[in-house]
C-alpha cells in the first residue's frame, strides 16, 4: 500500500515488508520498480524480507527519514 503514495516519511523504527508475496500476489510490481529500480524490486518482492528504515531511505523506498520523536501521524 505504501508504494502507491506520492511520498513517504519514515522514522528510525520504521520497517517495510511486501507480505502479499506470501499469498502469491505481487501488488507492488508497478510502483516499486519506479522507486527502487528493477533489481532491488525483484529482490524485495520475491523474498518478502523486511526492510528497515536506514536501508529503505538509502534505496529510495522512503523520501525522508526523521527521528522517532519527530514523526507525527495525522493532523
N, C-alpha and C. Protein backbone atom coordinates (compact mmCIF):
# COMPACT_ATOMS: atom_id res chain seq x y z
N UNK A 1 0.82 -1.19 0.00
CA UNK A 1 0.00 0.00 0.00
C UNK A 1 0.87 1.26 0.00
N UNK A 2 1.94 1.25 0.73
CA UNK A 2 2.79 2.43 0.85
C UNK A 2 3.38 2.86 -0.48
N UNK A 3 3.63 1.93 -1.38
CA UNK A 3 4.26 2.29 -2.65
C UNK A 3 3.33 3.09 -3.55
N UNK A 4 2.05 3.15 -3.25
CA UNK A 4 1.11 3.93 -4.05
C UNK A 4 1.01 5.38 -3.63
N UNK A 5 1.74 5.79 -2.62
CA UNK A 5 1.69 7.16 -2.13
C UNK A 5 2.67 8.05 -2.88
N UNK A 6 2.42 9.36 -2.85
CA UNK A 6 3.30 10.30 -3.54
C UNK A 6 4.66 10.42 -2.88
N UNK A 7 4.71 10.42 -1.56
CA UNK A 7 5.98 10.43 -0.86
C UNK A 7 5.79 9.74 0.49
N UNK A 8 6.88 9.25 1.02
CA UNK A 8 6.84 8.52 2.29
C UNK A 8 7.84 9.11 3.27
N UNK A 9 7.41 9.25 4.50
CA UNK A 9 8.28 9.72 5.57
C UNK A 9 8.35 8.59 6.59
N UNK A 10 9.55 8.21 6.96
CA UNK A 10 9.72 7.13 7.93
C UNK A 10 10.54 7.60 9.11
N UNK A 11 10.39 6.90 10.22
CA UNK A 11 11.22 7.19 11.39
C UNK A 11 12.24 6.07 11.55
N UNK A 12 13.13 6.25 12.49
CA UNK A 12 14.21 5.28 12.69
C UNK A 12 13.72 3.88 13.01
N UNK A 13 12.50 3.76 13.52
CA UNK A 13 11.93 2.47 13.90
C UNK A 13 11.06 1.86 12.80
N UNK A 14 10.93 2.55 11.67
CA UNK A 14 10.08 2.06 10.58
C UNK A 14 10.67 0.81 9.94
N UNK A 15 9.78 -0.03 9.47
CA UNK A 15 10.21 -1.17 8.65
C UNK A 15 9.11 -1.46 7.64
N UNK A 16 9.50 -2.05 6.54
CA UNK A 16 8.58 -2.32 5.45
C UNK A 16 8.77 -3.76 4.98
N UNK A 17 7.67 -4.36 4.57
CA UNK A 17 7.73 -5.73 4.06
C UNK A 17 6.58 -5.89 3.07
N UNK A 18 6.84 -6.59 2.00
CA UNK A 18 5.82 -6.84 0.99
C UNK A 18 5.22 -8.22 1.24
N UNK A 19 4.22 -8.25 2.12
CA UNK A 19 3.64 -9.51 2.58
C UNK A 19 2.78 -10.20 1.53
N UNK A 20 2.32 -9.47 0.54
CA UNK A 20 1.47 -10.08 -0.48
C UNK A 20 2.19 -11.23 -1.18
N UNK A 21 3.51 -11.18 -1.20
CA UNK A 21 4.27 -12.25 -1.83
C UNK A 21 4.01 -13.59 -1.14
N UNK A 22 3.69 -13.57 0.14
CA UNK A 22 3.39 -14.80 0.87
C UNK A 22 2.09 -15.44 0.40
N UNK A 23 1.25 -14.67 -0.27
CA UNK A 23 -0.05 -15.16 -0.73
C UNK A 23 -0.10 -15.27 -2.25
N UNK A 24 1.04 -15.15 -2.89
CA UNK A 24 1.09 -15.28 -4.34
C UNK A 24 0.63 -14.04 -5.09
N UNK A 25 0.57 -12.91 -4.42
CA UNK A 25 0.16 -11.66 -5.05
C UNK A 25 1.36 -10.72 -5.08
N UNK A 26 1.54 -10.07 -6.20
CA UNK A 26 2.62 -9.10 -6.33
C UNK A 26 2.02 -7.73 -6.61
N UNK A 27 1.39 -7.16 -5.60
CA UNK A 27 0.65 -5.90 -5.76
C UNK A 27 1.52 -4.70 -6.09
N UNK A 28 2.76 -4.70 -5.70
CA UNK A 28 3.62 -3.53 -5.88
C UNK A 28 4.46 -3.61 -7.14
N UNK A 29 4.14 -4.50 -8.07
CA UNK A 29 5.00 -4.70 -9.23
C UNK A 29 5.06 -3.48 -10.15
N UNK A 30 4.08 -2.62 -10.11
CA UNK A 30 4.10 -1.43 -10.98
C UNK A 30 4.86 -0.29 -10.32
N UNK A 31 4.58 -0.02 -9.08
CA UNK A 31 5.14 1.17 -8.43
C UNK A 31 6.52 0.95 -7.81
N UNK A 32 6.78 -0.20 -7.27
CA UNK A 32 8.05 -0.41 -6.58
C UNK A 32 9.27 -0.25 -7.49
N UNK A 33 9.28 -0.81 -8.70
CA UNK A 33 10.46 -0.63 -9.56
C UNK A 33 10.76 0.83 -9.90
N UNK A 34 9.73 1.67 -9.97
CA UNK A 34 9.98 3.08 -10.24
C UNK A 34 10.63 3.77 -9.05
N UNK A 35 10.46 3.20 -7.87
CA UNK A 35 11.03 3.78 -6.65
C UNK A 35 12.45 3.29 -6.39
N UNK A 36 12.69 2.00 -6.57
CA UNK A 36 13.97 1.42 -6.15
C UNK A 36 14.74 0.75 -7.28
N UNK A 37 14.18 0.69 -8.48
CA UNK A 37 14.82 0.00 -9.60
C UNK A 37 14.41 -1.47 -9.65
N UNK A 38 14.51 -2.05 -10.85
CA UNK A 38 14.06 -3.43 -11.05
C UNK A 38 14.81 -4.46 -10.23
N UNK A 39 16.14 -4.44 -10.18
CA UNK A 39 16.84 -5.49 -9.41
C UNK A 39 16.43 -5.52 -7.93
N UNK A 40 16.39 -4.35 -7.29
CA UNK A 40 16.02 -4.30 -5.87
C UNK A 40 14.54 -4.64 -5.69
N UNK A 41 13.69 -4.19 -6.61
CA UNK A 41 12.26 -4.51 -6.52
C UNK A 41 12.03 -6.02 -6.59
N UNK A 42 12.71 -6.68 -7.51
CA UNK A 42 12.57 -8.14 -7.61
C UNK A 42 13.02 -8.83 -6.33
N UNK A 43 14.14 -8.37 -5.79
CA UNK A 43 14.64 -8.96 -4.54
C UNK A 43 13.60 -8.84 -3.42
N UNK A 44 13.04 -7.64 -3.27
CA UNK A 44 12.09 -7.40 -2.19
C UNK A 44 10.78 -8.15 -2.40
N UNK A 45 10.30 -8.18 -3.63
CA UNK A 45 9.04 -8.86 -3.91
C UNK A 45 9.16 -10.37 -3.81
N UNK A 46 10.23 -10.92 -4.31
CA UNK A 46 10.39 -12.38 -4.30
C UNK A 46 10.72 -12.92 -2.92
N UNK A 47 11.47 -12.16 -2.14
CA UNK A 47 11.90 -12.66 -0.83
C UNK A 47 10.90 -12.35 0.28
N UNK A 48 10.21 -11.20 0.18
CA UNK A 48 9.31 -10.78 1.24
C UNK A 48 10.04 -10.38 2.51
N UNK A 49 11.34 -10.13 2.41
CA UNK A 49 12.12 -9.80 3.61
C UNK A 49 11.80 -8.39 4.11
N UNK A 50 12.07 -8.17 5.37
CA UNK A 50 11.82 -6.88 6.00
C UNK A 50 12.93 -5.89 5.64
N UNK A 51 12.52 -4.67 5.34
CA UNK A 51 13.46 -3.59 5.03
C UNK A 51 13.35 -2.56 6.15
N UNK A 52 14.46 -2.30 6.82
CA UNK A 52 14.45 -1.35 7.93
C UNK A 52 14.72 0.07 7.42
N UNK A 53 14.44 1.04 8.26
CA UNK A 53 14.42 2.45 7.88
C UNK A 53 15.66 2.93 7.15
N UNK A 54 16.83 2.62 7.65
CA UNK A 54 18.05 3.15 7.01
C UNK A 54 18.21 2.60 5.59
N UNK A 55 17.93 1.33 5.39
CA UNK A 55 18.01 0.77 4.04
C UNK A 55 16.90 1.32 3.15
N UNK A 56 15.69 1.46 3.71
CA UNK A 56 14.57 1.99 2.94
C UNK A 56 14.89 3.38 2.41
N UNK A 57 15.51 4.20 3.23
CA UNK A 57 15.90 5.54 2.79
C UNK A 57 17.01 5.47 1.75
N UNK A 58 17.99 4.63 1.98
CA UNK A 58 19.14 4.51 1.08
C UNK A 58 18.72 4.04 -0.32
N UNK A 59 17.77 3.12 -0.42
CA UNK A 59 17.36 2.60 -1.73
C UNK A 59 16.25 3.41 -2.39
N UNK A 60 15.71 4.41 -1.68
CA UNK A 60 14.68 5.26 -2.27
C UNK A 60 13.25 4.83 -2.00
N UNK A 61 13.06 3.91 -1.07
CA UNK A 61 11.71 3.46 -0.73
C UNK A 61 10.97 4.52 0.07
N UNK A 62 11.70 5.26 0.91
CA UNK A 62 11.10 6.40 1.62
C UNK A 62 11.88 7.66 1.26
N UNK A 63 11.18 8.80 1.30
CA UNK A 63 11.77 10.07 0.90
C UNK A 63 12.52 10.77 2.02
N UNK A 64 12.01 10.63 3.23
CA UNK A 64 12.60 11.33 4.38
C UNK A 64 12.69 10.38 5.56
N UNK A 65 13.77 10.50 6.29
CA UNK A 65 13.97 9.72 7.50
C UNK A 65 14.13 10.69 8.65
N UNK A 66 13.24 10.62 9.63
CA UNK A 66 13.25 11.57 10.75
C UNK A 66 13.39 10.80 12.07
N UNK A 67 13.86 11.47 13.11
CA UNK A 67 13.92 10.83 14.43
C UNK A 67 12.52 10.41 14.88
N UNK A 68 12.44 9.33 15.62
CA UNK A 68 11.15 8.77 16.04
C UNK A 68 10.25 9.78 16.73
N UNK A 69 10.80 10.62 17.57
CA UNK A 69 10.01 11.60 18.29
C UNK A 69 9.45 12.71 17.43
N UNK A 70 9.96 12.88 16.22
CA UNK A 70 9.50 13.96 15.35
C UNK A 70 8.46 13.52 14.33
N UNK A 71 8.16 12.24 14.27
CA UNK A 71 7.18 11.74 13.31
C UNK A 71 5.79 11.88 13.89
N UNK A 72 4.94 12.59 13.19
CA UNK A 72 3.56 12.78 13.62
C UNK A 72 2.64 12.06 12.65
N UNK A 73 1.61 11.46 13.17
CA UNK A 73 0.63 10.78 12.34
C UNK A 73 -0.68 11.54 12.46
N UNK A 74 -1.20 11.98 11.34
CA UNK A 74 -2.48 12.68 11.32
C UNK A 74 -2.34 14.14 11.69
N UNK A 75 -3.44 14.88 11.59
CA UNK A 75 -3.41 16.31 11.90
C UNK A 75 -3.32 16.60 13.38
